[in-house]
Amino acid sequence: MHERFDEEEYRAFAAKDNDDLMVYVKQFITIVRHITDNIDQQHWHQNAQLGSKAYEKLLAQLNPVRNNVMSNIAEGNVTVPQATQKIEAIRWLKRVSYHVCRITHHLNLFHRANKS
């Protein structure tokens, strides 16, 4: 996960700096903060649920945003480089939220299996 942030730092900045995506970035940051608090308290099952719901919610919210970007390209409202930057930021948000979903899922499985 750390490598994902380092490798694609420009996509993270693109997401953060885009007014249309800022609401989703803030939502994601809030969820990640809850997850890190729950790690400290060892609430593994709750984290798995948070990770999964965050991913599903972001996916549902970002797909229409992506479609809108593509429509704006077709209508000539944005340049291809501008749209590409936004699409890359959307992909990054989806990918990172998926990684958080999978990480929390596997941590939950690991801790459940090692309880006994």
N, C-alpha and C. Protein backbone atom coordinates (compact mmCIF):
# COMPACT_ATOMS: atom_id res chain seq x y z
N MET A 1 0.83 -1.18 0.00
CA MET A 1 0.00 0.00 0.00
C MET A 1 0.88 1.25 0.00
N HIS A 2 1.90 1.22 0.80
CA HIS A 2 2.82 2.36 0.86
C HIS A 2 3.42 2.62 -0.52
N GLU A 3 3.78 1.56 -1.23
CA GLU A 3 4.34 1.71 -2.57
C GLU A 3 3.33 2.33 -3.52
N ARG A 4 2.06 1.97 -3.37
CA ARG A 4 1.01 2.52 -4.23
C ARG A 4 0.96 4.04 -4.08
N PHE A 5 1.08 4.52 -2.85
CA PHE A 5 1.06 5.96 -2.63
C PHE A 5 2.31 6.61 -3.22
N ASP A 6 3.46 5.98 -3.02
CA ASP A 6 4.70 6.55 -3.53
C ASP A 6 4.76 6.55 -5.05
N GLU A 7 4.37 5.42 -5.66
CA GLU A 7 4.44 5.29 -7.12
C GLU A 7 3.50 6.26 -7.82
N GLU A 8 2.37 6.51 -7.24
CA GLU A 8 1.34 7.27 -7.92
C GLU A 8 0.99 8.54 -7.16
N GLU A 9 2.02 9.16 -6.61
CA GLU A 9 1.81 10.36 -5.82
C GLU A 9 1.11 11.45 -6.63
N TYR A 10 1.46 11.57 -7.89
CA TYR A 10 0.85 12.61 -8.72
C TYR A 10 -0.64 12.39 -8.88
N ARG A 11 -1.08 11.13 -8.87
CA ARG A 11 -2.52 10.86 -8.97
C ARG A 11 -3.23 11.26 -7.68
N ALA A 12 -2.57 11.01 -6.56
CA ALA A 12 -3.14 11.42 -5.27
C ALA A 12 -3.30 12.94 -5.24
N PHE A 13 -2.27 13.66 -5.69
CA PHE A 13 -2.35 15.12 -5.73
C PHE A 13 -3.42 15.58 -6.72
N ALA A 14 -3.54 14.88 -7.82
CA ALA A 14 -4.57 15.24 -8.80
C ALA A 14 -5.96 15.08 -8.21
N ALA A 15 -6.17 14.03 -7.44
CA ALA A 15 -7.47 13.81 -6.79
C ALA A 15 -7.72 14.88 -5.74
N LYS A 16 -6.69 15.17 -4.95
CA LYS A 16 -6.81 16.16 -3.88
C LYS A 16 -7.04 17.56 -4.44
N ASP A 17 -6.41 17.87 -5.55
CA ASP A 17 -6.47 19.22 -6.11
C ASP A 17 -7.67 19.45 -7.03
N ASN A 18 -8.46 18.43 -7.27
CA ASN A 18 -9.60 18.56 -8.17
C ASN A 18 -10.85 18.84 -7.36
N ASP A 19 -11.46 19.98 -7.59
CA ASP A 19 -12.64 20.38 -6.82
C ASP A 19 -13.78 19.36 -6.92
N ASP A 20 -13.95 18.77 -8.10
CA ASP A 20 -15.02 17.79 -8.29
C ASP A 20 -14.80 16.51 -7.49
N LEU A 21 -13.54 16.19 -7.21
CA LEU A 21 -13.23 14.95 -6.50
C LEU A 21 -12.96 15.16 -5.02
N MET A 22 -12.83 16.40 -4.59
CA MET A 22 -12.44 16.67 -3.21
C MET A 22 -13.41 16.06 -2.19
N VAL A 23 -14.67 16.08 -2.47
CA VAL A 23 -15.64 15.51 -1.53
C VAL A 23 -15.38 14.01 -1.32
N TYR A 24 -15.00 13.31 -2.39
CA TYR A 24 -14.74 11.88 -2.30
C TYR A 24 -13.42 11.60 -1.58
N VAL A 25 -12.45 12.46 -1.81
CA VAL A 25 -11.16 12.34 -1.13
C VAL A 25 -11.38 12.51 0.37
N LYS A 26 -12.16 13.52 0.76
CA LYS A 26 -12.43 13.76 2.18
C LYS A 26 -13.17 12.59 2.81
N GLN A 27 -14.14 12.03 2.10
CA GLN A 27 -14.86 10.85 2.60
C GLN A 27 -13.89 9.70 2.84
N PHE A 28 -13.02 9.48 1.89
CA PHE A 28 -12.07 8.38 1.98
C PHE A 28 -11.11 8.59 3.14
N ILE A 29 -10.62 9.80 3.30
CA ILE A 29 -9.71 10.10 4.40
C ILE A 29 -10.39 9.86 5.74
N THR A 30 -11.65 10.25 5.85
CA THR A 30 -12.40 10.03 7.09
C THR A 30 -12.51 8.54 7.40
N ILE A 31 -12.81 7.75 6.40
CA ILE A 31 -12.92 6.29 6.60
C ILE A 31 -11.57 5.71 7.01
N VAL A 32 -10.51 6.12 6.35
CA VAL A 32 -9.18 5.60 6.68
C VAL A 32 -8.81 5.97 8.12
N ARG A 33 -9.18 7.15 8.56
CA ARG A 33 -8.92 7.55 9.95
C ARG A 33 -9.69 6.65 10.92
N HIS A 34 -10.95 6.35 10.59
CA HIS A 34 -11.72 5.43 11.44
C HIS A 34 -11.06 4.06 11.49
N ILE A 35 -10.60 3.61 10.35
CA ILE A 35 -9.97 2.30 10.28
C ILE A 35 -8.69 2.28 11.12
N THR A 36 -7.89 3.31 11.02
CA THR A 36 -6.65 3.32 11.81
C THR A 36 -6.95 3.40 13.30
N ASP A 37 -7.98 4.13 13.69
CA ASP A 37 -8.40 4.14 15.10
C ASP A 37 -8.83 2.74 15.55
N ASN A 38 -9.56 2.06 14.68
CA ASN A 38 -10.02 0.71 15.01
C ASN A 38 -8.89 -0.30 15.06
N ILE A 39 -7.84 -0.08 14.31
CA ILE A 39 -6.67 -0.97 14.38
C ILE A 39 -6.07 -0.88 15.78
N ASP A 40 -5.95 0.33 16.28
CA ASP A 40 -5.42 0.51 17.63
C ASP A 40 -6.28 -0.23 18.67
N GLN A 41 -7.58 -0.28 18.42
CA GLN A 41 -8.50 -0.94 19.35
C GLN A 41 -8.79 -2.39 18.96
N GLN A 42 -8.17 -2.86 17.90
CA GLN A 42 -8.30 -4.23 17.40
C GLN A 42 -9.75 -4.59 17.04
N HIS A 43 -10.45 -3.67 16.41
CA HIS A 43 -11.81 -3.91 15.92
C HIS A 43 -11.74 -4.37 14.47
N TRP A 44 -11.28 -5.59 14.28
CA TRP A 44 -10.98 -6.10 12.94
C TRP A 44 -12.23 -6.28 12.08
N HIS A 45 -13.29 -6.82 12.67
CA HIS A 45 -14.52 -7.06 11.90
C HIS A 45 -15.13 -5.72 11.46
N GLN A 46 -15.15 -4.76 12.37
CA GLN A 46 -15.68 -3.44 12.03
C GLN A 46 -14.87 -2.80 10.91
N ASN A 47 -13.55 -2.97 10.96
CA ASN A 47 -12.71 -2.43 9.89
C ASN A 47 -13.02 -3.07 8.55
N ALA A 48 -13.23 -4.38 8.55
CA ALA A 48 -13.55 -5.07 7.30
C ALA A 48 -14.85 -4.52 6.71
N GLN A 49 -15.82 -4.27 7.57
CA GLN A 49 -17.08 -3.69 7.11
C GLN A 49 -16.88 -2.27 6.59
N LEU A 50 -16.11 -1.47 7.33
CA LEU A 50 -15.84 -0.10 6.89
C LEU A 50 -15.12 -0.08 5.54
N GLY A 51 -14.11 -0.93 5.40
CA GLY A 51 -13.35 -0.98 4.16
C GLY A 51 -14.21 -1.37 2.97
N SER A 52 -15.05 -2.37 3.18
CA SER A 52 -15.93 -2.85 2.11
C SER A 52 -16.97 -1.79 1.73
N LYS A 53 -17.60 -1.20 2.72
CA LYS A 53 -18.62 -0.19 2.44
C LYS A 53 -18.01 1.05 1.78
N ALA A 54 -16.82 1.44 2.23
CA ALA A 54 -16.17 2.60 1.63
C ALA A 54 -15.87 2.35 0.16
N TYR A 55 -15.38 1.15 -0.15
CA TYR A 55 -15.07 0.82 -1.54
C TYR A 55 -16.34 0.83 -2.39
N GLU A 56 -17.36 0.17 -1.92
CA GLU A 56 -18.61 0.10 -2.68
C GLU A 56 -19.21 1.49 -2.89
N LYS A 57 -19.17 2.32 -1.84
CA LYS A 57 -19.73 3.67 -1.94
C LYS A 57 -18.94 4.51 -2.93
N LEU A 58 -17.62 4.47 -2.82
CA LEU A 58 -16.78 5.24 -3.75
C LEU A 58 -16.99 4.80 -5.19
N LEU A 59 -17.08 3.49 -5.39
CA LEU A 59 -17.29 2.97 -6.73
C LEU A 59 -18.60 3.51 -7.30
N ALA A 60 -19.66 3.45 -6.51
CA ALA A 60 -20.97 3.94 -6.97
C ALA A 60 -20.95 5.44 -7.23
N GLN A 61 -20.21 6.18 -6.42
CA GLN A 61 -20.17 7.63 -6.59
C GLN A 61 -19.27 8.06 -7.74
N LEU A 62 -18.17 7.36 -7.94
CA LEU A 62 -17.20 7.79 -8.93
C LEU A 62 -17.53 7.37 -10.36
N ASN A 63 -18.29 6.29 -10.53
CA ASN A 63 -18.64 5.87 -11.89
C ASN A 63 -19.41 6.95 -12.65
N PRO A 64 -20.41 7.60 -12.04
CA PRO A 64 -21.08 8.69 -12.76
C PRO A 64 -20.15 9.89 -13.03
N VAL A 65 -19.22 10.14 -12.11
CA VAL A 65 -18.26 11.24 -12.32
C VAL A 65 -17.40 10.93 -13.54
N ARG A 66 -16.94 9.69 -13.63
CA ARG A 66 -16.13 9.27 -14.78
C ARG A 66 -16.94 9.41 -16.08
N ASN A 67 -18.18 8.95 -16.05
CA ASN A 67 -19.03 9.07 -17.24
C ASN A 67 -19.22 10.52 -17.66
N ASN A 68 -19.35 11.40 -16.67
CA ASN A 68 -19.49 12.83 -16.95
C ASN A 68 -18.24 13.39 -17.60
N VAL A 69 -17.08 12.96 -17.12
CA VAL A 69 -15.81 13.41 -17.72
C VAL A 69 -15.76 12.98 -19.18
N MET A 70 -16.13 11.74 -19.45
CA MET A 70 -16.09 11.24 -20.82
C MET A 70 -17.07 12.01 -21.71
N SER A 71 -18.24 12.35 -21.18
CA SER A 71 -19.21 13.15 -21.94
C SER A 71 -18.65 14.54 -22.23
N ASN A 72 -17.97 15.11 -21.24
CA ASN A 72 -17.38 16.43 -21.43
C ASN A 72 -16.29 16.43 -22.50
N ILE A 73 -15.55 15.33 -22.59
CA ILE A 73 -14.56 15.22 -23.67
C ILE A 73 -15.28 15.21 -25.02
N ALA A 74 -16.30 14.37 -25.12
CA ALA A 74 -17.03 14.23 -26.38
C ALA A 74 -17.67 15.54 -26.82
N GLU A 75 -18.12 16.33 -25.85
CA GLU A 75 -18.77 17.60 -26.17
C GLU A 75 -17.78 18.75 -26.34
N GLY A 76 -16.49 18.47 -26.10
CA GLY A 76 -15.48 19.50 -26.26
C GLY A 76 -15.41 20.48 -25.11
N ASN A 77 -15.97 20.12 -23.97
CA ASN A 77 -15.98 21.02 -22.81
C ASN A 77 -14.66 21.01 -22.02
N VAL A 78 -13.88 19.94 -22.17
CA VAL A 78 -12.58 19.85 -21.52
C VAL A 78 -11.58 19.29 -22.52
N THR A 79 -10.32 19.59 -22.27
CA THR A 79 -9.29 19.05 -23.14
C THR A 79 -8.99 17.61 -22.73
N VAL A 80 -8.41 16.87 -23.63
CA VAL A 80 -8.06 15.49 -23.33
C VAL A 80 -7.06 15.41 -22.17
N PRO A 81 -6.02 16.25 -22.13
CA PRO A 81 -5.10 16.19 -20.98
C PRO A 81 -5.79 16.48 -19.64
N GLN A 82 -6.72 17.45 -19.62
CA GLN A 82 -7.45 17.74 -18.39
C GLN A 82 -8.29 16.54 -17.97
N ALA A 83 -8.97 15.96 -18.92
CA ALA A 83 -9.82 14.81 -18.63
C ALA A 83 -8.99 13.61 -18.20
N THR A 84 -7.85 13.42 -18.85
CA THR A 84 -6.97 12.30 -18.49
C THR A 84 -6.52 12.42 -17.05
N GLN A 85 -6.15 13.61 -16.65
CA GLN A 85 -5.72 13.82 -15.27
C GLN A 85 -6.84 13.46 -14.29
N LYS A 86 -8.05 13.85 -14.61
CA LYS A 86 -9.18 13.56 -13.74
C LYS A 86 -9.49 12.06 -13.73
N ILE A 87 -9.45 11.43 -14.90
CA ILE A 87 -9.70 9.99 -14.99
C ILE A 87 -8.64 9.22 -14.20
N GLU A 88 -7.40 9.62 -14.31
CA GLU A 88 -6.32 8.97 -13.55
C GLU A 88 -6.54 9.13 -12.05
N ALA A 89 -6.99 10.29 -11.63
CA ALA A 89 -7.27 10.51 -10.21
C ALA A 89 -8.43 9.63 -9.75
N ILE A 90 -9.44 9.47 -10.58
CA ILE A 90 -10.57 8.59 -10.25
C ILE A 90 -10.10 7.15 -10.13
N ARG A 91 -9.29 6.72 -11.09
CA ARG A 91 -8.74 5.35 -11.03
C ARG A 91 -7.94 5.14 -9.76
N TRP A 92 -7.13 6.13 -9.40
CA TRP A 92 -6.32 6.01 -8.19
C TRP A 92 -7.20 5.86 -6.95
N LEU A 93 -8.23 6.70 -6.85
CA LEU A 93 -9.14 6.60 -5.70
C LEU A 93 -9.81 5.22 -5.63
N LYS A 94 -10.25 4.73 -6.76
CA LYS A 94 -10.88 3.41 -6.79
C LYS A 94 -9.88 2.33 -6.38
N ARG A 95 -8.70 2.40 -6.92
CA ARG A 95 -7.69 1.37 -6.66
C ARG A 95 -7.26 1.38 -5.19
N VAL A 96 -7.01 2.55 -4.65
CA VAL A 96 -6.57 2.63 -3.25
C VAL A 96 -7.70 2.20 -2.32
N SER A 97 -8.92 2.58 -2.62
CA SER A 97 -10.03 2.15 -1.77
C SER A 97 -10.22 0.64 -1.85
N TYR A 98 -9.97 0.05 -3.01
CA TYR A 98 -10.04 -1.40 -3.14
C TYR A 98 -8.95 -2.06 -2.28
N HIS A 99 -7.75 -1.50 -2.31
CA HIS A 99 -6.67 -2.06 -1.49
C HIS A 99 -7.01 -1.99 0.00
N VAL A 100 -7.58 -0.88 0.43
CA VAL A 100 -7.99 -0.76 1.83
C VAL A 100 -9.06 -1.81 2.16
N CYS A 101 -9.99 -1.99 1.26
CA CYS A 101 -11.03 -3.02 1.43
C CYS A 101 -10.40 -4.40 1.61
N ARG A 102 -9.49 -4.75 0.75
CA ARG A 102 -8.87 -6.09 0.81
C ARG A 102 -7.97 -6.24 2.03
N ILE A 103 -7.23 -5.20 2.37
CA ILE A 103 -6.35 -5.26 3.54
C ILE A 103 -7.18 -5.48 4.81
N THR A 104 -8.25 -4.72 4.97
CA THR A 104 -9.08 -4.87 6.17
C THR A 104 -9.75 -6.24 6.20
N HIS A 105 -10.15 -6.73 5.05
CA HIS A 105 -10.74 -8.07 4.97
C HIS A 105 -9.75 -9.14 5.43
N HIS A 106 -8.54 -9.08 4.91
CA HIS A 106 -7.54 -10.09 5.27
C HIS A 106 -7.08 -9.97 6.72
N LEU A 107 -6.98 -8.75 7.23
CA LEU A 107 -6.66 -8.60 8.64
C LEU A 107 -7.74 -9.21 9.52
N ASN A 108 -8.98 -9.01 9.15
CA ASN A 108 -10.09 -9.60 9.90
C ASN A 108 -10.01 -11.13 9.86
N LEU A 109 -9.78 -11.70 8.69
CA LEU A 109 -9.66 -13.16 8.58
C LEU A 109 -8.49 -13.69 9.42
N PHE A 110 -7.37 -13.00 9.35
CA PHE A 110 -6.19 -13.42 10.11
C PHE A 110 -6.47 -13.42 11.61
N HIS A 111 -7.04 -12.37 12.10
CA HIS A 111 -7.29 -12.27 13.54
C HIS A 111 -8.39 -13.20 14.01
N ARG A 112 -9.37 -13.47 13.16
CA ARG A 112 -10.40 -14.47 13.51
C ARG A 112 -9.79 -15.85 13.59
N ALA A 113 -8.93 -16.18 12.64
CA ALA A 113 -8.31 -17.50 12.60
C ALA A 113 -7.34 -17.71 13.77
N ASN A 114 -6.76 -16.65 14.26
CA ASN A 114 -5.77 -16.77 15.34
C ASN A 114 -6.34 -16.50 16.72
N LYS A 115 -7.65 -16.37 16.84
CA LYS A 115 -8.28 -16.18 18.14
C LYS A 115 -8.24 -17.45 18.98
N SER A 116 -8.38 -18.58 18.31
CA SER A 116 -8.49 -19.84 19.05
C SER A 116 -7.16 -20.39 19.47
